Amino acid sequence: MKKICISGPAVSGKTYAIEHINNPNVLTYPESSRKVNCIYPELLKSGNIEEFRKKVCQFQIDIEMMLTNSNDNMIHIFDRGVIDNLTFLTLQDDKNFTSEMSKVIDYYKSGTLKPYDIIFYFDISPFTKPTAMLLDALEDPLRKSTINTNNFKEHIVDFRNSFIDMVNFLGLADKVRVTSAYPTPEGYSERNNLIYEIIKEGLP
């Protein structure tokens, strides 16, 4: 089994990439925040972002723990992972960060969680002019509830810096492959084709 995570700031094309993978040897997992929002829609409606983040972290860990002892020959690709969740906790100065970070470290050390084989970081230049695709994506209700979509450039920079801190602290910096794309369907597709070729190299 190979375990891959696609990380990056909001609207960088992670879900777009996941949804366009068409390979019987690849299993994909949607962003945990969307699953949690479906299960507990009242949390964001009431503005309880702290409890929402806590449940997202646990949901992601539960999914990844189920795969730890898997011996299949599949490639498992996650739309965001535990590192993204820790990154968001630091950005929002969440009091749960210390306990969640300790939990992830302990799980990695004990082998309860299998580290990612590759972490694709989908970057966006903060100087990118807003495109129709980007502006439309920023209107997503979940994004509006969890990040400051009115200052998206700041989000890009802050997320990148915090993410770098997280992977360095967890000793996973060597697993990260950074790639950038212009936020249009054509730009994302061009980038994704390169990603898919890398993924194919890891197939049995």
Protein backbone atom coordinates (compact mmCIF):
# COMPACT_ATOMS: atom_id res chain seq x y z
CA MET A 1 0.00 0.00 0.00
CA LYS A 2 1.13 3.51 -0.81
CA LYS A 3 -0.29 6.48 1.02
CA ILE A 4 -0.40 9.91 -0.63
CA CYS A 5 -1.73 13.22 0.67
CA ILE A 6 -2.62 16.28 -1.39
CA SER A 7 -2.22 19.41 0.71
CA GLY A 8 -2.33 23.13 0.12
CA PRO A 9 -4.35 26.28 0.75
CA ALA A 10 -8.02 26.53 -0.10
CA VAL A 11 -9.00 26.40 -3.80
CA SER A 12 -5.57 25.21 -4.92
CA GLY A 13 -7.14 22.33 -6.88
CA LYS A 14 -6.87 19.42 -4.45
CA THR A 15 -10.44 18.21 -4.83
CA TYR A 16 -10.31 18.93 -8.57
CA ALA A 17 -7.32 16.58 -8.84
CA ILE A 18 -8.94 13.88 -6.70
CA GLU A 19 -12.17 13.92 -8.70
CA HIS A 20 -10.34 13.51 -12.01
CA ILE A 21 -8.33 10.44 -11.07
CA ASN A 22 -9.56 7.50 -13.09
CA ASN A 23 -7.51 4.45 -12.14
CA PRO A 24 -8.83 1.18 -10.68
CA ASN A 25 -5.68 0.84 -8.55
CA VAL A 26 -6.21 4.19 -6.81
CA LEU A 27 -8.58 4.82 -3.92
CA THR A 28 -9.38 8.44 -3.07
CA TYR A 29 -10.69 9.97 0.15
CA PRO A 30 -12.65 13.25 0.23
CA GLU A 31 -11.72 16.14 2.49
CA SER A 32 -12.65 15.24 6.08
CA SER A 33 -14.05 18.68 6.85
CA ARG A 34 -16.78 18.15 4.26
CA LYS A 35 -17.68 14.76 5.70
CA VAL A 36 -17.79 16.17 9.23
CA ASN A 37 -19.90 19.12 8.07
CA CYS A 38 -22.42 16.66 6.65
CA ILE A 39 -22.54 14.71 9.92
CA TYR A 40 -22.57 17.76 12.24
CA PRO A 41 -24.00 20.65 10.19
CA GLU A 42 -25.01 22.50 13.34
CA LEU A 43 -21.39 23.18 14.39
CA LEU A 44 -20.52 25.69 11.68
CA LYS A 45 -24.04 27.11 11.61
CA SER A 46 -23.61 28.01 15.28
CA GLY A 47 -20.05 29.27 14.73
CA ASN A 48 -18.46 26.54 16.85
CA ILE A 49 -15.30 26.30 14.73
CA GLU A 50 -13.21 24.90 17.60
CA GLU A 51 -15.41 21.84 18.09
CA PHE A 52 -15.67 21.45 14.33
CA ARG A 53 -11.88 21.34 13.95
CA LYS A 54 -11.61 18.85 16.80
CA LYS A 55 -14.03 16.46 15.09
CA VAL A 56 -12.27 16.90 11.73
CA CYS A 57 -8.93 15.93 13.30
CA GLN A 58 -10.41 12.81 14.89
CA PHE A 59 -12.26 11.84 11.71
CA GLN A 60 -9.04 12.04 9.67
CA ILE A 61 -7.04 10.03 12.20
CA ASP A 62 -9.74 7.34 12.38
CA ILE A 63 -9.73 6.89 8.59
CA GLU A 64 -5.95 6.75 8.32
CA MET A 65 -5.61 4.35 11.27
CA MET A 66 -7.84 1.84 9.49
CA LEU A 67 -5.27 1.62 6.70
CA THR A 68 -2.17 1.25 8.85
CA ASN A 69 -1.98 -2.54 8.62
CA SER A 70 -3.31 -2.82 5.09
CA ASN A 71 -1.30 -5.07 2.78
CA ASP A 72 -3.11 -4.21 -0.45
CA ASN A 73 -1.37 -3.03 -3.61
CA MET A 74 -3.52 0.07 -3.94
CA ILE A 75 -2.52 3.71 -3.81
CA HIS A 76 -4.61 5.61 -1.25
CA ILE A 77 -4.86 9.36 -1.90
CA PHE A 78 -6.23 11.80 0.66
CA ASP A 79 -7.71 15.21 -0.05
CA ARG A 80 -5.91 16.86 2.91
CA GLY A 81 -4.49 14.90 5.83
CA VAL A 82 -3.49 15.18 9.48
CA ILE A 83 -0.82 17.76 8.64
CA ASP A 84 -3.41 20.06 7.08
CA ASN A 85 -5.57 19.76 10.17
CA LEU A 86 -2.66 20.69 12.44
CA THR A 87 -1.89 23.62 10.15
CA PHE A 88 -5.42 24.96 10.46
CA LEU A 89 -5.27 24.64 14.25
CA THR A 90 -2.17 26.84 14.38
CA LEU A 91 -3.70 29.43 12.07
CA GLN A 92 -6.78 29.70 14.24
CA ASP A 93 -4.85 29.64 17.52
CA ASP A 94 -6.92 26.65 18.58
CA LYS A 95 -6.35 25.42 22.14
CA ASN A 96 -6.54 21.83 20.85
CA PHE A 97 -3.32 22.16 18.85
CA THR A 98 -0.90 20.88 21.51
CA SER A 99 -2.95 17.78 22.30
CA GLU A 100 -3.60 17.02 18.61
CA MET A 101 0.08 17.42 17.71
CA SER A 102 1.11 15.15 20.60
CA LYS A 103 -1.44 12.58 19.48
CA VAL A 104 -0.12 12.51 15.90
CA ILE A 105 3.50 12.25 17.06
CA ASP A 106 2.64 9.36 19.38
CA TYR A 107 0.72 7.56 16.64
CA TYR A 108 3.61 7.91 14.20
CA LYS A 109 6.14 6.68 16.77
CA SER A 110 4.02 3.67 17.74
CA GLY A 111 3.19 2.76 14.16
CA THR A 112 -0.51 3.33 14.74
CA LEU A 113 -0.44 5.78 11.85
CA LYS A 114 1.48 5.07 8.65
CA PRO A 115 3.30 8.21 7.40
CA TYR A 116 2.60 9.43 3.88
CA ASP A 117 4.85 8.14 1.12
CA ILE A 118 4.35 11.39 -0.81
CA ILE A 119 2.83 14.73 0.19
CA PHE A 120 1.91 16.82 -2.84
CA TYR A 121 1.71 20.48 -1.87
CA PHE A 122 -0.50 22.38 -4.32
CA ASP A 123 0.70 25.96 -4.11
CA ILE A 124 -0.77 29.20 -5.45
CA SER A 125 1.17 32.40 -5.94
CA PRO A 126 -0.22 35.19 -3.73
CA PHE A 127 0.27 37.48 -6.74
CA THR A 128 -2.07 35.42 -8.92
CA LYS A 129 -4.87 37.53 -10.35
CA PRO A 130 -8.29 36.20 -9.34
CA THR A 131 -9.75 33.95 -12.02
CA ALA A 132 -13.39 33.02 -12.49
CA MET A 133 -12.63 29.53 -11.17
CA LEU A 134 -10.91 30.88 -8.07
CA LEU A 135 -13.60 33.46 -7.29
CA ASP A 136 -16.36 30.90 -7.72
CA ALA A 137 -14.58 28.43 -5.42
CA LEU A 138 -14.18 31.07 -2.72
CA GLU A 139 -17.98 31.42 -2.58
CA ASP A 140 -18.25 27.87 -1.23
CA PRO A 141 -20.19 28.06 2.09
CA LEU A 142 -17.80 25.71 3.91
CA ARG A 143 -14.78 27.79 2.94
CA LYS A 144 -16.51 31.00 3.99
CA SER A 145 -17.19 29.43 7.39
CA THR A 146 -13.63 28.20 8.01
CA ILE A 147 -11.23 30.73 6.43
CA ASN A 148 -11.15 34.46 5.71
CA THR A 149 -12.07 34.39 2.03
CA ASN A 150 -11.96 38.20 1.93
CA ASN A 151 -8.19 38.10 2.43
CA PHE A 152 -7.29 35.05 0.42
CA LYS A 153 -3.73 36.16 -0.37
CA GLU A 154 -2.95 36.25 3.34
CA HIS A 155 -4.42 32.76 3.73
CA ILE A 156 -2.10 31.41 1.00
CA VAL A 157 1.02 32.76 2.69
CA ASP A 158 -0.01 31.91 6.25
CA PHE A 159 -1.05 28.37 5.35
CA ARG A 160 2.21 27.73 3.47
CA ASN A 161 4.38 28.99 6.33
CA SER A 162 2.52 27.00 8.96
CA PHE A 163 2.51 23.87 6.79
CA ILE A 164 6.29 24.08 6.41
CA ASP A 165 6.61 24.28 10.19
CA MET A 166 4.40 21.20 10.61
CA VAL A 167 6.24 18.93 8.14
CA ASN A 168 9.62 20.01 9.52
CA PHE A 169 8.52 19.32 13.09
CA LEU A 170 7.16 15.89 12.14
CA GLY A 171 10.27 15.03 10.11
CA LEU A 172 8.32 14.68 6.86
CA ALA A 173 9.88 17.49 4.82
CA ASP A 174 11.62 15.00 2.51
CA LYS A 175 8.21 13.60 1.52
CA VAL A 176 6.91 16.93 0.22
CA ARG A 177 6.73 17.71 -3.49
CA VAL A 178 5.67 21.27 -4.23
CA THR A 179 3.81 22.10 -7.41
CA SER A 180 1.93 25.17 -8.54
CA ALA A 181 -0.74 25.83 -11.15
CA TYR A 182 -2.66 28.78 -12.48
CA PRO A 183 -6.24 28.54 -11.12
CA THR A 184 -8.08 27.75 -14.33
CA PRO A 185 -9.38 24.35 -15.55
CA GLU A 186 -6.55 24.29 -18.10
CA GLY A 187 -3.91 25.19 -15.53
CA TYR A 188 -5.11 22.61 -13.04
CA SER A 189 -5.40 19.90 -15.69
CA GLU A 190 -1.85 20.52 -16.91
CA ARG A 191 -0.53 20.25 -13.35
CA ASN A 192 -2.63 17.20 -12.59
CA ASN A 193 -1.35 15.30 -15.61
CA LEU A 194 2.16 15.60 -14.18
CA ILE A 195 0.91 14.41 -10.78
CA TYR A 196 -0.87 11.43 -12.31
CA GLU A 197 2.34 10.35 -14.04
CA ILE A 198 4.18 10.38 -10.71
CA ILE A 199 1.37 8.36 -9.15
CA LYS A 200 1.53 5.79 -11.95
CA GLU A 201 5.22 5.24 -11.22
CA GLY A 202 4.24 3.94 -7.80
CA LEU A 203 1.67 1.47 -9.09
CA PRO A 204 2.49 -2.27 -8.99
